Amino acid sequence: DLGPIHAIRQSRECPTQKMPLTTRCYGSLCFSSFAEMLSISLATVPFPLDSPFHDFSLQCSHNTYLWGTQSGRFYFSEANAAHQDTMSLALANGYRCLELDVHKPWNDIYVAHRLGDTAGKDVTNSVALPLFLQRILSWCEEDERANPATAETPKLPVVISIENNFFDDGEEEVAANLISTLGNRIIRRGQLPPGTTLASISATAPSQLRKFIVRSKTKGNVAKYLQLLAIPREVSGGQQLDNVAKFPAYATKSVAMGCDEAKDVAEYVTDTRLVRTYPCALATDSKNYRPGKAFDSRAHFVCINLQGKCGSVDSTCKQIQRGSRVCPSCTERCDCSRDVAAALEAAFLKHGYDGYIHYPSLSPEAVVVLSQLGIGEADSQAAGGSGSVDLAGRQCGADNVLPMMLALAVILILE
């Protein structure tokens, strides 16, 4: 994978002429070799950091802790899909919004996909929460050693969205895990009021570390947990959190998308409310919706399944190449269709920086690209298309050769 490299902004068009067999494309960026891509220096941030946080959209992953399907067969069995290495996989490929479903049905705090709580059932394997937090921290530390933050190449905050299925019974323990692992990197409650500039919460010097924003539901009964939530979510129908005026924060809204298309969520987007979209519950195979309408609505966290649609409960996507459906250099095969995910990653590579895009700075081309994300991608994948695609959906380099030869063979047979 791309390791600590988080921003490549040297624009190179994907040519239509014949290219060397080693040519690979990542979104609309084409390179003669993988080594050439790695040799490109990190570019400077392309948008004003003094813009408010709500002007940005983050490259977001849904149920980041899974690298396969969302459940076992028909929810009757467990899929062996949860693993802590998904954290470094997502971060290395530009995702700056991670999701963890955390449970404590009995005595243990763990991460898994689960139906219900104490009376429910796990539909994936379960893994201890600290393992995920440690992976997140270790990736950030490696990234900071390899490429220290500067004013020109800042480290932007990572949002950790915790699906709270433990509440009062486990909030003390989860808070202790967060503090012991991520410590002072966590932006506390009240430190992200509406209008906060991205610059004020980013690392812009070698001595500064990447920050974390924790977003989670809470009843507000456990002060130790509540103080760690820069974006607290009130429980539906619950009482308002205490001291709201003393600890101002963005409101937040989550909206489930259709199984194929995103919904227009513009009615929820304001300067004081951050909107998150996520795949429909029926997409148990990790299939993605086409997210264009969510970007048209200027949603802040447009979450997709980074692995894409998996053919069976045993399918996994343990290694990926950012912005690419396939990964020729990977030692682990990806058995899932990374159509929408690859296109989204490529869009953030070309039009964003460090997993962020700035809506007011987007060019007309970028607006169109985001609006059309995923259109035609699933069809080309189902038709047997392989390899990387650029943002216009063109196949690049050697990936053109086999389809052209097959088409020619069909014509000759018909003749």
Protein backbone atom coordinates (compact mmCIF):
# COMPACT_ATOMS: atom_id res chain seq x y z
CA ASP A 1 0.00 0.00 0.00
CA LEU A 2 1.02 3.66 -0.04
CA GLY A 3 2.25 3.67 3.56
CA PRO A 4 2.52 7.17 5.00
CA ILE A 5 2.14 8.92 1.66
CA HIS A 6 -1.13 10.76 1.93
CA ALA A 7 -1.22 13.34 -0.86
CA ILE A 8 -0.10 13.16 -4.46
CA ARG A 9 -1.16 16.15 -6.48
CA GLN A 10 1.04 16.13 -9.57
CA SER A 11 -1.58 16.10 -12.30
CA ARG A 12 -0.89 13.88 -15.29
CA GLU A 13 -3.55 13.14 -17.85
CA CYS A 14 -4.36 9.55 -18.71
CA PRO A 15 -3.39 9.43 -22.40
CA THR A 16 -5.33 7.49 -24.98
CA GLN A 17 -2.26 6.40 -26.90
CA LYS A 18 -0.53 3.09 -26.32
CA MET A 19 1.46 3.03 -23.07
CA PRO A 20 4.08 0.64 -21.62
CA LEU A 21 2.75 -2.55 -20.08
CA THR A 22 3.97 -1.38 -16.66
CA THR A 23 1.78 1.72 -16.72
CA ARG A 24 -0.72 1.98 -13.89
CA CYS A 25 -3.31 4.66 -13.25
CA TYR A 26 -4.63 5.92 -9.94
CA GLY A 27 -7.71 7.95 -10.62
CA SER A 28 -6.66 10.37 -13.35
CA LEU A 29 -3.00 10.08 -12.38
CA CYS A 30 -0.95 7.74 -14.56
CA PHE A 31 2.58 6.55 -13.85
CA SER A 32 5.07 4.42 -15.76
CA SER A 33 5.72 2.40 -12.61
CA PHE A 34 4.73 2.12 -8.98
CA ALA A 35 8.20 3.36 -8.01
CA GLU A 36 7.68 6.55 -10.01
CA MET A 37 4.53 7.32 -8.04
CA LEU A 38 6.31 6.76 -4.73
CA SER A 39 9.13 9.10 -5.78
CA ILE A 40 6.82 12.10 -6.13
CA SER A 41 7.11 14.55 -3.25
CA LEU A 42 4.14 15.49 -1.12
CA ALA A 43 2.54 18.63 -2.50
CA THR A 44 1.43 21.62 -0.51
CA VAL A 45 -2.10 21.92 0.79
CA PRO A 46 -4.30 23.30 -2.04
CA PHE A 47 -6.97 25.04 0.02
CA PRO A 48 -7.08 27.69 2.77
CA LEU A 49 -6.64 26.09 6.19
CA ASP A 50 -8.29 29.06 7.85
CA SER A 51 -11.65 27.91 6.46
CA PRO A 52 -14.26 26.63 8.94
CA PHE A 53 -14.45 22.88 9.50
CA HIS A 54 -17.98 22.69 8.06
CA ASP A 55 -16.71 23.80 4.62
CA PHE A 56 -14.93 20.45 4.20
CA SER A 57 -15.86 16.88 3.39
CA LEU A 58 -13.70 14.01 4.62
CA GLN A 59 -12.88 10.76 2.86
CA CYS A 60 -14.96 8.46 5.07
CA SER A 61 -15.27 4.73 5.61
CA HIS A 62 -18.35 2.91 6.88
CA ASN A 63 -17.74 0.07 9.37
CA THR A 64 -14.02 0.55 8.85
CA TYR A 65 -13.20 -2.38 11.11
CA LEU A 66 -14.37 -4.89 8.45
CA TRP A 67 -12.37 -6.02 5.43
CA GLY A 68 -15.09 -8.30 4.09
CA THR A 69 -18.85 -8.62 4.32
CA GLN A 70 -21.06 -6.99 6.93
CA SER A 71 -22.36 -10.32 8.25
CA GLY A 72 -22.41 -14.08 7.87
CA ARG A 73 -24.88 -15.86 5.61
CA PHE A 74 -28.30 -14.23 6.01
CA TYR A 75 -27.32 -13.02 9.47
CA PHE A 76 -27.32 -16.60 10.79
CA SER A 77 -23.57 -16.99 11.14
CA GLU A 78 -20.50 -14.89 11.78
CA ALA A 79 -18.29 -13.53 9.01
CA ASN A 80 -14.60 -13.51 9.90
CA ALA A 81 -14.21 -9.94 8.67
CA ALA A 82 -13.27 -7.77 11.68
CA HIS A 83 -9.57 -7.07 12.13
CA GLN A 84 -7.47 -4.29 13.64
CA ASP A 85 -5.27 -4.03 10.51
CA THR A 86 -8.22 -2.38 8.76
CA MET A 87 -7.26 0.82 10.57
CA SER A 88 -3.84 1.17 8.93
CA LEU A 89 -5.34 -0.01 5.63
CA ALA A 90 -7.88 2.81 5.66
CA LEU A 91 -5.49 5.50 6.89
CA ALA A 92 -2.81 4.59 4.35
CA ASN A 93 -5.34 4.98 1.57
CA GLY A 94 -6.54 8.43 2.53
CA TYR A 95 -9.53 7.75 4.79
CA ARG A 96 -9.73 10.34 7.54
CA CYS A 97 -13.06 9.31 9.04
CA LEU A 98 -13.07 5.86 10.62
CA GLU A 99 -16.01 4.00 12.17
CA LEU A 100 -15.91 1.50 15.04
CA ASP A 101 -18.99 -0.37 16.30
CA VAL A 102 -18.21 -0.91 19.98
CA HIS A 103 -20.20 -3.30 22.20
CA LYS A 104 -20.35 -4.52 25.76
CA PRO A 105 -23.17 -7.04 25.87
CA TRP A 106 -21.71 -8.71 28.96
CA ASN A 107 -18.29 -8.03 30.44
CA ASP A 108 -15.92 -7.35 27.54
CA ILE A 109 -15.58 -4.24 25.39
CA TYR A 110 -15.08 -5.28 21.77
CA VAL A 111 -15.55 -4.23 18.15
CA ALA A 112 -17.87 -6.26 15.91
CA HIS A 113 -20.95 -6.01 13.73
CA ARG A 114 -23.80 -7.07 15.98
CA LEU A 115 -27.58 -7.17 15.85
CA GLY A 116 -28.95 -5.75 19.08
CA ASP A 117 -27.00 -5.53 22.31
CA THR A 118 -27.31 -7.88 25.32
CA ALA A 119 -30.11 -9.83 23.66
CA GLY A 120 -28.56 -9.60 20.20
CA LYS A 121 -26.14 -11.64 18.17
CA ASP A 122 -22.71 -11.02 16.65
CA VAL A 123 -22.78 -11.40 12.86
CA THR A 124 -19.00 -11.03 12.54
CA ASN A 125 -16.11 -12.08 14.72
CA SER A 126 -15.21 -9.73 17.59
CA VAL A 127 -11.88 -8.03 18.37
CA ALA A 128 -10.81 -6.09 21.48
CA LEU A 129 -11.16 -2.31 21.14
CA PRO A 130 -7.59 -1.43 22.29
CA LEU A 131 -6.12 -3.30 19.31
CA PHE A 132 -7.89 -0.92 16.90
CA LEU A 133 -6.82 2.18 18.82
CA GLN A 134 -3.22 0.99 18.91
CA ARG A 135 -3.21 0.42 15.14
CA ILE A 136 -4.53 3.94 14.56
CA LEU A 137 -1.84 5.44 16.78
CA SER A 138 1.02 3.39 15.32
CA TRP A 139 0.11 4.39 11.75
CA CYS A 140 0.04 8.07 12.70
CA GLU A 141 3.40 7.78 14.48
CA GLU A 142 4.99 6.12 11.44
CA ASP A 143 3.52 8.78 9.16
CA GLU A 144 4.86 11.57 11.37
CA ARG A 145 8.34 10.06 11.46
CA ALA A 146 8.43 9.65 7.69
CA ASN A 147 6.88 13.03 6.84
CA PRO A 148 6.78 15.50 9.75
CA ALA A 149 4.09 18.14 9.57
CA THR A 150 4.92 21.57 8.15
CA ALA A 151 2.86 24.64 7.34
CA GLU A 152 2.92 23.58 3.67
CA THR A 153 2.20 19.89 4.34
CA PRO A 154 0.02 19.79 7.47
CA LYS A 155 -1.47 16.72 9.11
CA LEU A 156 -5.25 17.09 9.19
CA PRO A 157 -7.38 15.58 11.98
CA VAL A 158 -8.83 12.07 11.86
CA VAL A 159 -12.46 11.62 12.92
CA ILE A 160 -13.15 8.44 14.91
CA SER A 161 -16.87 7.74 14.82
CA ILE A 162 -17.76 5.36 17.65
CA GLU A 163 -21.11 3.61 17.39
CA ASN A 164 -21.97 3.48 21.09
CA ASN A 165 -23.63 0.17 21.97
CA PHE A 166 -22.37 0.17 25.56
CA PHE A 167 -23.57 3.47 27.10
CA ASP A 168 -23.26 3.96 30.87
CA ASP A 169 -22.16 0.39 31.48
CA GLY A 170 -19.04 0.73 29.32
CA GLU A 171 -18.33 4.43 28.79
CA GLU A 172 -15.87 4.59 31.68
CA GLU A 173 -13.83 1.71 30.21
CA VAL A 174 -13.96 3.03 26.63
CA ALA A 175 -12.85 6.46 27.86
CA ALA A 176 -9.92 4.85 29.67
CA ASN A 177 -8.91 3.03 26.46
CA LEU A 178 -9.09 6.24 24.43
CA ILE A 179 -7.07 8.26 26.94
CA SER A 180 -4.39 5.63 27.51
CA THR A 181 -3.80 5.17 23.77
CA LEU A 182 -4.53 8.50 22.07
CA GLY A 183 -4.09 10.84 25.06
CA ASN A 184 -3.64 14.52 24.31
CA ARG A 185 -4.14 14.00 20.59
CA ILE A 186 -7.89 13.91 21.30
CA ILE A 187 -9.72 17.19 20.75
CA ARG A 188 -11.93 17.55 23.84
CA ARG A 189 -15.55 18.56 24.22
CA GLY A 190 -15.99 22.27 23.58
CA GLN A 191 -12.78 22.55 21.52
CA LEU A 192 -14.62 22.19 18.19
CA PRO A 193 -17.38 24.81 18.29
CA PRO A 194 -19.15 25.71 15.02
CA GLY A 195 -16.88 27.87 12.89
CA THR A 196 -13.64 26.33 14.16
CA THR A 197 -10.99 26.69 11.46
CA LEU A 198 -9.21 23.62 10.16
CA ALA A 199 -5.87 25.35 10.81
CA SER A 200 -6.53 25.54 14.56
CA ILE A 201 -6.91 21.75 14.88
CA SER A 202 -4.22 20.64 12.39
CA ALA A 203 -0.54 19.84 12.90
CA THR A 204 1.47 22.48 11.01
CA ALA A 205 4.98 22.04 12.46
CA PRO A 206 7.33 19.05 12.96
CA SER A 207 6.80 19.19 16.72
CA GLN A 208 3.01 18.92 16.37
CA LEU A 209 1.03 15.67 16.19
CA ARG A 210 -2.06 14.73 14.22
CA LYS A 211 -5.25 15.23 16.25
CA PHE A 212 -8.34 13.03 16.67
CA ILE A 213 -11.98 14.08 16.76
CA VAL A 214 -14.24 11.57 18.53
CA ARG A 215 -17.87 11.49 17.42
CA SER A 216 -20.26 9.32 19.44
CA LYS A 217 -23.71 8.98 20.95
CA THR A 218 -23.97 9.38 24.70
CA LYS A 219 -26.55 9.88 27.41
CA GLY A 220 -24.07 12.19 29.10
CA ASN A 221 -24.06 10.33 32.41
CA VAL A 222 -20.35 9.46 32.37
CA ALA A 223 -18.33 12.69 32.50
CA LYS A 224 -15.04 10.98 31.64
CA TYR A 225 -16.45 9.82 28.31
CA LEU A 226 -18.45 12.96 27.53
CA GLN A 227 -15.37 15.18 27.88
CA LEU A 228 -13.67 13.25 25.04
CA LEU A 229 -16.45 13.95 22.54
CA ALA A 230 -15.75 16.95 20.33
CA ILE A 231 -18.85 15.91 18.36
CA PRO A 232 -21.30 14.45 20.90
CA ARG A 233 -24.48 12.85 19.60
CA GLU A 234 -27.49 12.94 21.88
CA VAL A 235 -29.48 9.74 22.17
CA SER A 236 -32.75 9.94 20.23
CA GLY A 237 -35.54 10.98 22.56
CA GLY A 238 -33.08 11.52 25.40
CA GLN A 239 -32.56 14.60 27.51
CA GLN A 240 -30.27 17.37 26.34
CA LEU A 241 -26.64 17.08 27.40
CA ASP A 242 -25.55 19.21 30.33
CA ASN A 243 -23.58 22.46 29.92
CA VAL A 244 -24.21 22.77 26.19
CA ALA A 245 -23.58 26.54 26.31
CA LYS A 246 -20.28 26.03 28.12
CA PHE A 247 -19.14 23.34 25.66
CA PRO A 248 -20.40 24.41 22.20
CA ALA A 249 -20.25 21.75 19.49
CA TYR A 250 -21.52 21.00 16.03
CA ALA A 251 -24.81 19.18 15.90
CA THR A 252 -24.66 16.03 13.79
CA LYS A 253 -27.07 14.06 11.64
CA SER A 254 -26.68 10.56 10.15
CA VAL A 255 -28.76 9.54 7.12
CA ALA A 256 -28.96 6.05 5.60
CA MET A 257 -28.69 6.05 1.82
CA GLY A 258 -30.50 3.90 -0.71
CA CYS A 259 -28.89 0.62 -1.66
CA ASP A 260 -28.04 2.02 -5.10
CA GLU A 261 -28.30 5.80 -4.94
CA ALA A 262 -27.54 8.49 -2.38
CA LYS A 263 -30.29 10.76 -1.14
CA ASP A 264 -30.39 14.53 -1.22
CA VAL A 265 -29.49 15.60 2.32
CA ALA A 266 -29.17 19.35 1.68
CA GLU A 267 -32.02 20.09 4.10
CA TYR A 268 -29.84 18.92 7.00
CA VAL A 269 -26.61 20.69 6.02
CA THR A 270 -25.99 23.94 7.90
CA ASP A 271 -23.05 25.88 9.28
CA THR A 272 -23.72 24.33 12.69
CA ARG A 273 -24.67 20.74 11.75
CA LEU A 274 -22.35 18.10 10.28
CA VAL A 275 -24.08 15.50 8.11
CA ARG A 276 -22.96 11.88 7.69
CA THR A 277 -24.30 9.49 5.05
CA TYR A 278 -23.81 5.72 5.10
CA PRO A 279 -24.81 2.58 3.11
CA CYS A 280 -28.23 0.99 3.51
CA ALA A 281 -28.65 -1.83 6.02
CA LEU A 282 -29.54 -4.35 3.30
CA ALA A 283 -26.06 -4.10 1.75
CA THR A 284 -24.72 -6.98 3.84
CA ASP A 285 -22.21 -7.85 1.09
CA SER A 286 -20.59 -4.39 1.53
CA LYS A 287 -22.01 -3.08 -1.74
CA ASN A 288 -21.82 0.70 -2.12
CA TYR A 289 -24.36 3.29 -3.11
CA ARG A 290 -23.45 5.92 -5.71
CA PRO A 291 -22.54 8.89 -3.48
CA GLY A 292 -22.92 11.75 -5.96
CA LYS A 293 -26.09 13.25 -4.47
CA ALA A 294 -24.49 13.34 -1.03
CA PHE A 295 -21.61 15.41 -2.40
CA ASP A 296 -24.08 17.60 -4.32
CA SER A 297 -25.70 18.27 -0.92
CA ARG A 298 -22.27 19.18 0.52
CA ALA A 299 -22.42 16.43 3.17
CA HIS A 300 -19.41 16.36 5.47
CA PHE A 301 -18.92 12.63 6.03
CA VAL A 302 -19.90 10.63 2.93
CA CYS A 303 -19.15 7.12 4.18
CA ILE A 304 -18.67 4.16 1.87
CA ASN A 305 -17.45 0.58 2.25
CA LEU A 306 -13.79 0.79 1.22
CA GLN A 307 -13.71 -2.91 0.25
CA GLY A 308 -16.78 -2.74 -1.99
CA LYS A 309 -19.15 -5.59 -2.85
CA CYS A 310 -17.82 -8.99 -1.75
CA GLY A 311 -18.84 -12.15 -3.57
CA SER A 312 -19.11 -14.38 -0.49
CA VAL A 313 -18.83 -14.28 3.29
CA ASP A 314 -15.27 -15.55 2.89
CA SER A 315 -14.21 -12.71 0.57
CA THR A 316 -11.76 -10.19 1.98
CA CYS A 317 -9.90 -7.09 0.87
CA LYS A 318 -6.79 -7.04 3.04
CA GLN A 319 -4.63 -4.95 0.71
CA ILE A 320 -5.63 -2.21 -1.70
CA GLN A 321 -3.95 0.36 -3.88
CA ARG A 322 -5.39 3.82 -3.42
CA GLY A 323 -7.68 4.89 -6.23
CA SER A 324 -7.40 1.50 -7.93
CA ARG A 325 -9.70 -1.48 -8.29
CA VAL A 326 -6.77 -3.87 -8.38
CA CYS A 327 -3.36 -3.98 -6.77
CA PRO A 328 -0.72 -5.74 -8.91
CA SER A 329 2.00 -5.18 -6.32
CA CYS A 330 -0.04 -6.50 -3.37
CA THR A 331 0.74 -9.88 -1.85
CA GLU A 332 -2.86 -10.35 -0.67
CA ARG A 333 -5.66 -10.54 -3.22
CA CYS A 334 -8.77 -8.38 -2.87
CA ASP A 335 -11.86 -10.50 -3.57
CA CYS A 336 -14.30 -7.56 -3.49
CA SER A 337 -15.37 -5.09 -6.19
CA ARG A 338 -13.73 -1.76 -5.37
CA ASP A 339 -15.60 0.21 -8.00
CA VAL A 340 -17.16 3.13 -6.11
CA ALA A 341 -14.43 3.14 -3.44
CA ALA A 342 -11.62 3.39 -6.01
CA ALA A 343 -13.35 6.27 -7.80
CA LEU A 344 -13.91 8.12 -4.52
CA GLU A 345 -10.26 7.67 -3.48
CA ALA A 346 -9.09 8.92 -6.87
CA ALA A 347 -11.32 11.99 -6.60
CA PHE A 348 -9.89 12.89 -3.19
CA LEU A 349 -6.36 12.32 -4.53
CA LYS A 350 -6.84 14.71 -7.42
CA HIS A 351 -9.09 17.33 -5.88
CA GLY A 352 -8.26 17.19 -2.18
CA TYR A 353 -5.45 16.84 0.30
CA ASP A 354 -4.87 14.37 3.14
CA GLY A 355 -8.38 12.96 2.86
CA TYR A 356 -10.15 16.35 2.81
CA ILE A 357 -11.85 18.30 0.05
CA HIS A 358 -12.81 21.96 0.44
CA TYR A 359 -16.21 22.59 -1.14
CA PRO A 360 -15.74 26.34 -1.82
CA SER A 361 -12.42 25.72 -3.63
CA LEU A 362 -13.61 22.95 -5.95
CA SER A 363 -13.26 23.59 -9.66
CA PRO A 364 -16.26 23.02 -11.96
CA GLU A 365 -14.51 19.83 -13.13
CA ALA A 366 -14.21 18.55 -9.57
CA VAL A 367 -17.88 19.29 -8.84
CA VAL A 368 -18.88 17.18 -11.83
CA VAL A 369 -16.50 14.37 -10.84
CA LEU A 370 -17.96 14.16 -7.31
CA SER A 371 -21.52 14.40 -8.60
CA GLN A 372 -20.96 11.45 -10.95
CA LEU A 373 -19.01 9.19 -8.60
CA GLY A 374 -19.90 5.55 -9.14
CA ILE A 375 -21.97 6.10 -12.28
CA GLY A 376 -21.06 3.35 -14.74
CA GLU A 377 -18.51 1.87 -12.36
CA ALA A 378 -20.58 -1.13 -11.28
CA ASP A 379 -21.53 -1.93 -14.87
CA SER A 380 -17.93 -1.97 -16.06
CA GLN A 381 -16.89 -4.12 -13.10
CA ALA A 382 -19.69 -6.62 -13.70
CA ALA A 383 -18.72 -6.79 -17.35
CA GLY A 384 -15.31 -8.05 -16.35
CA GLY A 385 -13.34 -4.81 -16.50
CA SER A 386 -10.13 -5.01 -14.54
CA GLY A 387 -7.37 -2.68 -13.54
CA SER A 388 -7.40 0.94 -12.54
CA VAL A 389 -9.69 3.54 -14.01
CA ASP A 390 -9.29 7.26 -14.25
CA LEU A 391 -12.00 9.66 -13.13
CA ALA A 392 -13.65 9.57 -16.54
CA GLY A 393 -13.87 5.80 -16.38
CA ARG A 394 -11.24 5.16 -19.08
CA GLN A 395 -9.01 2.13 -18.84
CA CYS A 396 -5.32 3.00 -18.96
CA GLY A 397 -2.21 1.37 -20.34
CA ALA A 398 -2.00 -2.40 -20.47
CA ASP A 399 -5.52 -2.80 -19.07
CA ASN A 400 -6.84 -1.77 -22.51
CA VAL A 401 -5.10 -4.56 -24.36
CA LEU A 402 -7.08 -7.66 -23.28
CA PRO A 403 -10.59 -6.17 -23.79
CA MET A 404 -9.56 -4.93 -27.25
CA MET A 405 -8.20 -8.36 -28.22
CA LEU A 406 -11.36 -10.11 -26.98
CA ALA A 407 -13.55 -7.69 -28.91
CA LEU A 408 -11.51 -8.29 -32.06
CA ALA A 409 -11.78 -12.07 -31.59
CA VAL A 410 -15.58 -11.84 -31.30
CA ILE A 411 -15.76 -9.79 -34.49
CA LEU A 412 -13.61 -12.30 -36.38
CA ILE A 413 -15.75 -15.22 -35.15
CA LEU A 414 -18.94 -13.47 -36.23
CA GLU A 415 -17.43 -12.74 -39.63
